[in-house]
């Protein structure tokens, strides 16, 4: 990385991440707390219907910034939510949509560690 701010933010974000983990037991538990522990299921028929951000990603972004994270805008947070399965934005005609909808989310890693 050439951008000094991004290097500094990576270090600061790592520290903030550890603090979230201490407070919630895991980043997983923190993130799933915003959606009640269940993946958000959307009905999208075309790519133009898939948003770049939502009220939930806005809320998570604001909270992360309040906790000291940087470079965590709502669009980045929403892409992360899609990548980790917090939201199922697969189009209605996609075979993966039904597969992911039928599969329950695994329990939080924090809960698994306690057992």
N, C-alpha and C. Protein backbone atom coordinates (compact mmCIF):
# COMPACT_ATOMS: atom_id res chain seq x y z
N UNK A 1 0.83 -1.18 0.00
CA UNK A 1 0.00 0.00 0.00
C UNK A 1 0.88 1.25 0.00
N UNK A 2 0.49 2.19 -0.78
CA UNK A 2 1.23 3.44 -0.83
C UNK A 2 0.56 4.54 -0.01
N UNK A 3 -0.71 4.38 0.23
CA UNK A 3 -1.46 5.40 0.95
C UNK A 3 -1.24 5.25 2.45
N UNK A 4 -0.57 6.21 3.03
CA UNK A 4 -0.24 6.17 4.47
C UNK A 4 -1.51 6.07 5.33
N UNK A 5 -2.58 6.76 4.95
CA UNK A 5 -3.82 6.70 5.72
C UNK A 5 -4.40 5.29 5.76
N UNK A 6 -4.29 4.57 4.64
CA UNK A 6 -4.81 3.20 4.62
C UNK A 6 -3.97 2.28 5.49
N UNK A 7 -2.68 2.49 5.50
CA UNK A 7 -1.81 1.69 6.37
C UNK A 7 -2.15 1.95 7.83
N UNK A 8 -2.28 3.22 8.19
CA UNK A 8 -2.62 3.58 9.56
C UNK A 8 -4.01 3.07 9.93
N UNK A 9 -4.94 3.12 8.99
CA UNK A 9 -6.29 2.65 9.29
C UNK A 9 -6.32 1.13 9.46
N UNK A 10 -5.49 0.41 8.72
CA UNK A 10 -5.43 -1.05 8.88
C UNK A 10 -4.98 -1.40 10.29
N UNK A 11 -4.01 -0.68 10.80
CA UNK A 11 -3.53 -0.92 12.17
C UNK A 11 -4.61 -0.53 13.18
N UNK A 12 -5.22 0.63 12.99
CA UNK A 12 -6.29 1.07 13.88
C UNK A 12 -7.50 0.15 13.83
N UNK A 13 -7.85 -0.33 12.64
CA UNK A 13 -8.99 -1.25 12.50
C UNK A 13 -8.71 -2.57 13.21
N UNK A 14 -7.46 -3.02 13.17
CA UNK A 14 -7.11 -4.26 13.87
C UNK A 14 -7.30 -4.08 15.37
N UNK A 15 -6.91 -2.94 15.88
CA UNK A 15 -7.10 -2.66 17.32
C UNK A 15 -8.59 -2.59 17.65
N UNK A 16 -9.36 -1.90 16.81
CA UNK A 16 -10.80 -1.79 17.04
C UNK A 16 -11.48 -3.15 16.95
N UNK A 17 -11.01 -3.98 16.01
CA UNK A 17 -11.55 -5.33 15.86
C UNK A 17 -11.34 -6.14 17.14
N UNK A 18 -10.15 -6.06 17.71
CA UNK A 18 -9.86 -6.79 18.95
C UNK A 18 -10.76 -6.30 20.08
N UNK A 19 -11.04 -5.00 20.11
CA UNK A 19 -11.92 -4.46 21.14
C UNK A 19 -13.36 -4.98 20.96
N UNK A 20 -13.83 -5.03 19.72
CA UNK A 20 -15.16 -5.59 19.44
C UNK A 20 -15.21 -7.05 19.88
N UNK A 21 -14.15 -7.76 19.56
CA UNK A 21 -14.10 -9.19 19.94
C UNK A 21 -14.13 -9.35 21.46
N UNK A 22 -13.41 -8.49 22.18
CA UNK A 22 -13.44 -8.55 23.65
C UNK A 22 -14.85 -8.27 24.18
N UNK A 23 -15.51 -7.28 23.60
CA UNK A 23 -16.83 -6.89 24.09
C UNK A 23 -17.93 -7.89 23.75
N UNK A 24 -17.89 -8.46 22.54
CA UNK A 24 -18.98 -9.32 22.08
C UNK A 24 -18.63 -10.81 22.05
N UNK A 25 -17.38 -11.15 22.29
CA UNK A 25 -16.97 -12.55 22.21
C UNK A 25 -16.42 -12.92 20.85
N UNK A 26 -16.92 -12.27 19.81
CA UNK A 26 -16.44 -12.48 18.44
C UNK A 26 -17.00 -11.37 17.55
N UNK A 27 -16.33 -11.13 16.45
CA UNK A 27 -16.86 -10.16 15.49
C UNK A 27 -18.13 -10.73 14.86
N UNK A 28 -18.16 -12.04 14.73
CA UNK A 28 -19.32 -12.75 14.21
C UNK A 28 -20.57 -12.41 15.03
N UNK A 29 -20.47 -12.53 16.36
CA UNK A 29 -21.61 -12.24 17.24
C UNK A 29 -22.03 -10.77 17.11
N UNK A 30 -21.06 -9.88 17.02
CA UNK A 30 -21.36 -8.46 16.85
C UNK A 30 -22.15 -8.21 15.57
N UNK A 31 -21.65 -8.74 14.46
CA UNK A 31 -22.28 -8.51 13.16
C UNK A 31 -23.69 -9.10 13.09
N UNK A 32 -23.83 -10.35 13.53
CA UNK A 32 -25.15 -11.00 13.45
C UNK A 32 -26.16 -10.35 14.39
N UNK A 33 -25.69 -9.64 15.39
CA UNK A 33 -26.60 -8.95 16.29
C UNK A 33 -27.43 -7.88 15.59
N UNK A 34 -26.93 -7.34 14.50
CA UNK A 34 -27.65 -6.31 13.76
C UNK A 34 -28.83 -6.88 12.98
N UNK A 35 -28.83 -8.18 12.72
CA UNK A 35 -29.91 -8.79 11.92
C UNK A 35 -30.65 -9.87 12.71
N UNK A 36 -30.49 -9.87 14.01
CA UNK A 36 -31.21 -10.83 14.84
C UNK A 36 -30.75 -12.26 14.65
N UNK A 37 -29.54 -12.46 14.17
CA UNK A 37 -29.01 -13.82 14.04
C UNK A 37 -29.50 -14.60 12.84
N UNK A 38 -30.27 -13.96 11.98
CA UNK A 38 -30.81 -14.64 10.80
C UNK A 38 -30.43 -13.87 9.54
N UNK A 39 -30.04 -14.56 8.48
CA UNK A 39 -29.70 -13.86 7.24
C UNK A 39 -30.90 -13.10 6.68
N UNK A 40 -30.64 -11.92 6.18
CA UNK A 40 -31.70 -11.14 5.53
C UNK A 40 -31.95 -11.73 4.15
N UNK A 41 -33.19 -12.01 3.84
CA UNK A 41 -33.57 -12.60 2.56
C UNK A 41 -34.25 -11.51 1.73
N UNK A 42 -33.70 -11.23 0.59
CA UNK A 42 -34.31 -10.23 -0.27
C UNK A 42 -34.86 -10.90 -1.53
N UNK A 43 -35.80 -10.24 -2.17
CA UNK A 43 -36.36 -10.75 -3.42
C UNK A 43 -35.91 -9.81 -4.53
N UNK A 44 -34.98 -10.28 -5.31
CA UNK A 44 -34.41 -9.47 -6.40
C UNK A 44 -34.55 -10.23 -7.71
N UNK A 45 -35.14 -9.61 -8.69
CA UNK A 45 -35.32 -10.27 -9.99
C UNK A 45 -34.25 -9.89 -11.00
N UNK A 46 -33.58 -8.76 -10.78
CA UNK A 46 -32.54 -8.30 -11.69
C UNK A 46 -31.44 -7.56 -10.94
N UNK A 47 -30.29 -7.46 -11.55
CA UNK A 47 -29.14 -6.83 -10.91
C UNK A 47 -29.40 -5.36 -10.55
N UNK A 48 -30.24 -4.70 -11.30
CA UNK A 48 -30.54 -3.30 -11.00
C UNK A 48 -31.30 -3.14 -9.68
N UNK A 49 -31.91 -4.22 -9.20
CA UNK A 49 -32.65 -4.17 -7.94
C UNK A 49 -31.76 -4.39 -6.72
N UNK A 50 -30.53 -4.85 -6.93
CA UNK A 50 -29.62 -5.08 -5.81
C UNK A 50 -29.02 -3.74 -5.39
N UNK A 51 -29.27 -3.35 -4.15
CA UNK A 51 -28.76 -2.04 -3.70
C UNK A 51 -27.26 -2.09 -3.41
N UNK A 52 -26.66 -0.93 -3.32
CA UNK A 52 -25.25 -0.86 -2.93
C UNK A 52 -25.12 -0.64 -1.43
N UNK A 53 -26.24 -0.28 -0.78
CA UNK A 53 -26.26 -0.09 0.66
C UNK A 53 -27.70 -0.17 1.14
N UNK A 54 -27.89 -0.39 2.42
CA UNK A 54 -29.22 -0.49 3.02
C UNK A 54 -29.22 0.23 4.36
N UNK A 55 -30.38 0.40 4.96
CA UNK A 55 -30.41 0.99 6.30
C UNK A 55 -29.59 0.19 7.33
N UNK A 56 -29.57 -1.13 7.18
CA UNK A 56 -28.78 -1.97 8.10
C UNK A 56 -27.30 -1.70 7.90
N UNK A 57 -26.84 -1.66 6.64
CA UNK A 57 -25.41 -1.38 6.41
C UNK A 57 -25.05 0.04 6.85
N UNK A 58 -26.00 0.97 6.72
CA UNK A 58 -25.77 2.33 7.23
C UNK A 58 -25.55 2.30 8.74
N UNK A 59 -26.38 1.53 9.43
CA UNK A 59 -26.30 1.43 10.88
C UNK A 59 -24.99 0.77 11.33
N UNK A 60 -24.61 -0.32 10.67
CA UNK A 60 -23.36 -1.00 11.01
C UNK A 60 -22.18 -0.08 10.75
N UNK A 61 -22.19 0.61 9.61
CA UNK A 61 -21.11 1.52 9.27
C UNK A 61 -20.96 2.61 10.32
N UNK A 62 -22.07 3.21 10.73
CA UNK A 62 -22.03 4.25 11.76
C UNK A 62 -21.45 3.71 13.06
N UNK A 63 -21.89 2.51 13.45
CA UNK A 63 -21.41 1.92 14.70
C UNK A 63 -19.92 1.58 14.62
N UNK A 64 -19.48 1.04 13.49
CA UNK A 64 -18.06 0.73 13.34
C UNK A 64 -17.22 2.01 13.44
N UNK A 65 -17.68 3.07 12.81
CA UNK A 65 -16.95 4.34 12.88
C UNK A 65 -16.91 4.87 14.31
N UNK A 66 -18.01 4.72 15.02
CA UNK A 66 -18.07 5.15 16.42
C UNK A 66 -17.06 4.35 17.26
N UNK A 67 -16.81 3.13 16.88
CA UNK A 67 -15.86 2.27 17.59
C UNK A 67 -14.42 2.47 17.13
N UNK A 68 -14.19 3.38 16.21
CA UNK A 68 -12.84 3.71 15.80
C UNK A 68 -12.38 3.11 14.48
N UNK A 69 -13.25 2.39 13.77
CA UNK A 69 -12.89 1.84 12.47
C UNK A 69 -12.86 2.96 11.43
N UNK A 70 -12.03 2.79 10.42
CA UNK A 70 -11.95 3.74 9.32
C UNK A 70 -12.07 2.99 8.00
N UNK A 71 -12.45 3.70 6.95
CA UNK A 71 -12.67 3.12 5.62
C UNK A 71 -13.74 2.02 5.69
N UNK A 72 -14.82 2.28 6.41
CA UNK A 72 -15.91 1.32 6.54
C UNK A 72 -17.23 2.01 6.20
N UNK A 73 -17.31 2.52 4.99
CA UNK A 73 -18.55 3.16 4.54
C UNK A 73 -19.65 2.13 4.35
N UNK A 74 -20.86 2.61 4.20
CA UNK A 74 -22.02 1.73 4.09
C UNK A 74 -21.93 0.78 2.89
N UNK A 75 -21.40 1.24 1.76
CA UNK A 75 -21.28 0.38 0.58
C UNK A 75 -20.30 -0.76 0.83
N UNK A 76 -19.18 -0.46 1.46
CA UNK A 76 -18.20 -1.50 1.80
C UNK A 76 -18.81 -2.49 2.78
N UNK A 77 -19.51 -1.99 3.77
CA UNK A 77 -20.14 -2.86 4.77
C UNK A 77 -21.18 -3.76 4.11
N UNK A 78 -21.97 -3.21 3.19
CA UNK A 78 -22.99 -4.03 2.53
C UNK A 78 -22.35 -5.13 1.69
N UNK A 79 -21.27 -4.82 1.00
CA UNK A 79 -20.56 -5.85 0.22
C UNK A 79 -20.03 -6.93 1.15
N UNK A 80 -19.54 -6.55 2.32
CA UNK A 80 -19.07 -7.52 3.30
C UNK A 80 -20.23 -8.38 3.80
N UNK A 81 -21.38 -7.75 4.05
CA UNK A 81 -22.56 -8.51 4.50
C UNK A 81 -22.95 -9.56 3.46
N UNK A 82 -22.88 -9.21 2.18
CA UNK A 82 -23.18 -10.17 1.12
C UNK A 82 -22.15 -11.29 1.10
N UNK A 83 -20.88 -10.93 1.23
CA UNK A 83 -19.81 -11.92 1.14
C UNK A 83 -19.85 -12.95 2.26
N UNK A 84 -20.24 -12.53 3.45
CA UNK A 84 -20.23 -13.46 4.58
C UNK A 84 -21.60 -14.10 4.85
N UNK A 85 -22.60 -13.78 4.04
CA UNK A 85 -23.90 -14.45 4.15
C UNK A 85 -24.89 -13.81 5.09
N UNK A 86 -24.63 -12.59 5.53
CA UNK A 86 -25.59 -11.90 6.40
C UNK A 86 -26.82 -11.49 5.59
N UNK A 87 -26.63 -11.30 4.29
CA UNK A 87 -27.74 -10.98 3.40
C UNK A 87 -27.66 -11.91 2.19
N UNK A 88 -28.81 -12.43 1.78
CA UNK A 88 -28.89 -13.29 0.60
C UNK A 88 -29.48 -12.47 -0.53
N UNK A 89 -28.61 -11.93 -1.37
CA UNK A 89 -29.03 -11.10 -2.49
C UNK A 89 -29.00 -11.84 -3.82
N UNK A 90 -28.93 -13.16 -3.78
CA UNK A 90 -28.96 -13.90 -5.04
C UNK A 90 -30.30 -13.66 -5.72
N UNK A 91 -30.27 -13.51 -7.02
CA UNK A 91 -31.49 -13.25 -7.78
C UNK A 91 -32.44 -14.44 -7.67
N UNK A 92 -33.74 -14.18 -7.86
CA UNK A 92 -34.74 -15.24 -7.68
C UNK A 92 -34.51 -16.42 -8.63
N UNK A 93 -33.91 -16.19 -9.78
CA UNK A 93 -33.65 -17.28 -10.72
C UNK A 93 -32.34 -18.02 -10.48
N UNK A 94 -31.56 -17.60 -9.50
CA UNK A 94 -30.25 -18.21 -9.24
C UNK A 94 -30.40 -19.47 -8.38
N UNK A 95 -29.73 -20.55 -8.77
CA UNK A 95 -29.83 -21.80 -8.03
C UNK A 95 -29.30 -21.66 -6.60
N UNK A 96 -28.34 -20.78 -6.36
CA UNK A 96 -27.76 -20.62 -5.03
C UNK A 96 -28.73 -19.98 -4.04
N UNK A 97 -29.68 -19.21 -4.53
CA UNK A 97 -30.63 -18.55 -3.64
C UNK A 97 -31.39 -19.57 -2.79
N UNK A 98 -31.95 -20.57 -3.43
CA UNK A 98 -32.72 -21.59 -2.71
C UNK A 98 -31.82 -22.40 -1.78
N UNK A 99 -30.61 -22.72 -2.25
CA UNK A 99 -29.69 -23.49 -1.42
C UNK A 99 -29.35 -22.74 -0.13
N UNK A 100 -29.07 -21.45 -0.26
CA UNK A 100 -28.70 -20.66 0.91
C UNK A 100 -29.89 -20.39 1.82
N UNK A 101 -31.04 -20.24 1.23
CA UNK A 101 -32.24 -19.99 2.03
C UNK A 101 -32.60 -21.21 2.88
N UNK A 102 -32.39 -22.40 2.35
CA UNK A 102 -32.74 -23.62 3.05
C UNK A 102 -31.74 -24.00 4.14
N UNK A 103 -30.51 -23.51 4.00
CA UNK A 103 -29.45 -23.88 4.94
C UNK A 103 -29.44 -22.91 6.12
N UNK A 104 -29.63 -23.41 7.33
CA UNK A 104 -29.59 -22.50 8.48
C UNK A 104 -28.17 -22.01 8.74
N UNK A 105 -28.07 -20.83 9.29
CA UNK A 105 -26.77 -20.26 9.64
C UNK A 105 -26.18 -21.04 10.80
N UNK A 106 -24.87 -21.27 10.72
CA UNK A 106 -24.21 -21.94 11.83
C UNK A 106 -24.18 -21.00 13.03
N UNK A 107 -24.04 -21.57 14.20
CA UNK A 107 -24.03 -20.75 15.42
C UNK A 107 -22.79 -19.89 15.49
N UNK A 108 -22.89 -18.86 16.28
CA UNK A 108 -21.78 -17.93 16.44
C UNK A 108 -20.54 -18.64 16.94
N UNK A 109 -19.38 -18.24 16.43
CA UNK A 109 -18.13 -18.83 16.88
C UNK A 109 -17.89 -18.57 18.37
N UNK A 110 -18.42 -17.46 18.89
CA UNK A 110 -18.26 -17.18 20.31
C UNK A 110 -19.02 -18.21 21.14
N UNK A 111 -20.20 -18.57 20.69
CA UNK A 111 -20.99 -19.58 21.40
C UNK A 111 -20.29 -20.93 21.32
N UNK A 112 -19.70 -21.24 20.17
CA UNK A 112 -19.03 -22.52 20.02
C UNK A 112 -17.81 -22.61 20.93
N UNK A 113 -17.09 -21.52 21.11
CA UNK A 113 -15.89 -21.52 21.95
C UNK A 113 -16.23 -21.77 23.41
N UNK A 114 -17.38 -21.31 23.85
CA UNK A 114 -17.76 -21.45 25.26
C UNK A 114 -18.07 -22.89 25.63
N UNK A 115 -18.41 -23.72 24.67
CA UNK A 115 -18.80 -25.10 24.96
C UNK A 115 -17.62 -26.02 25.02
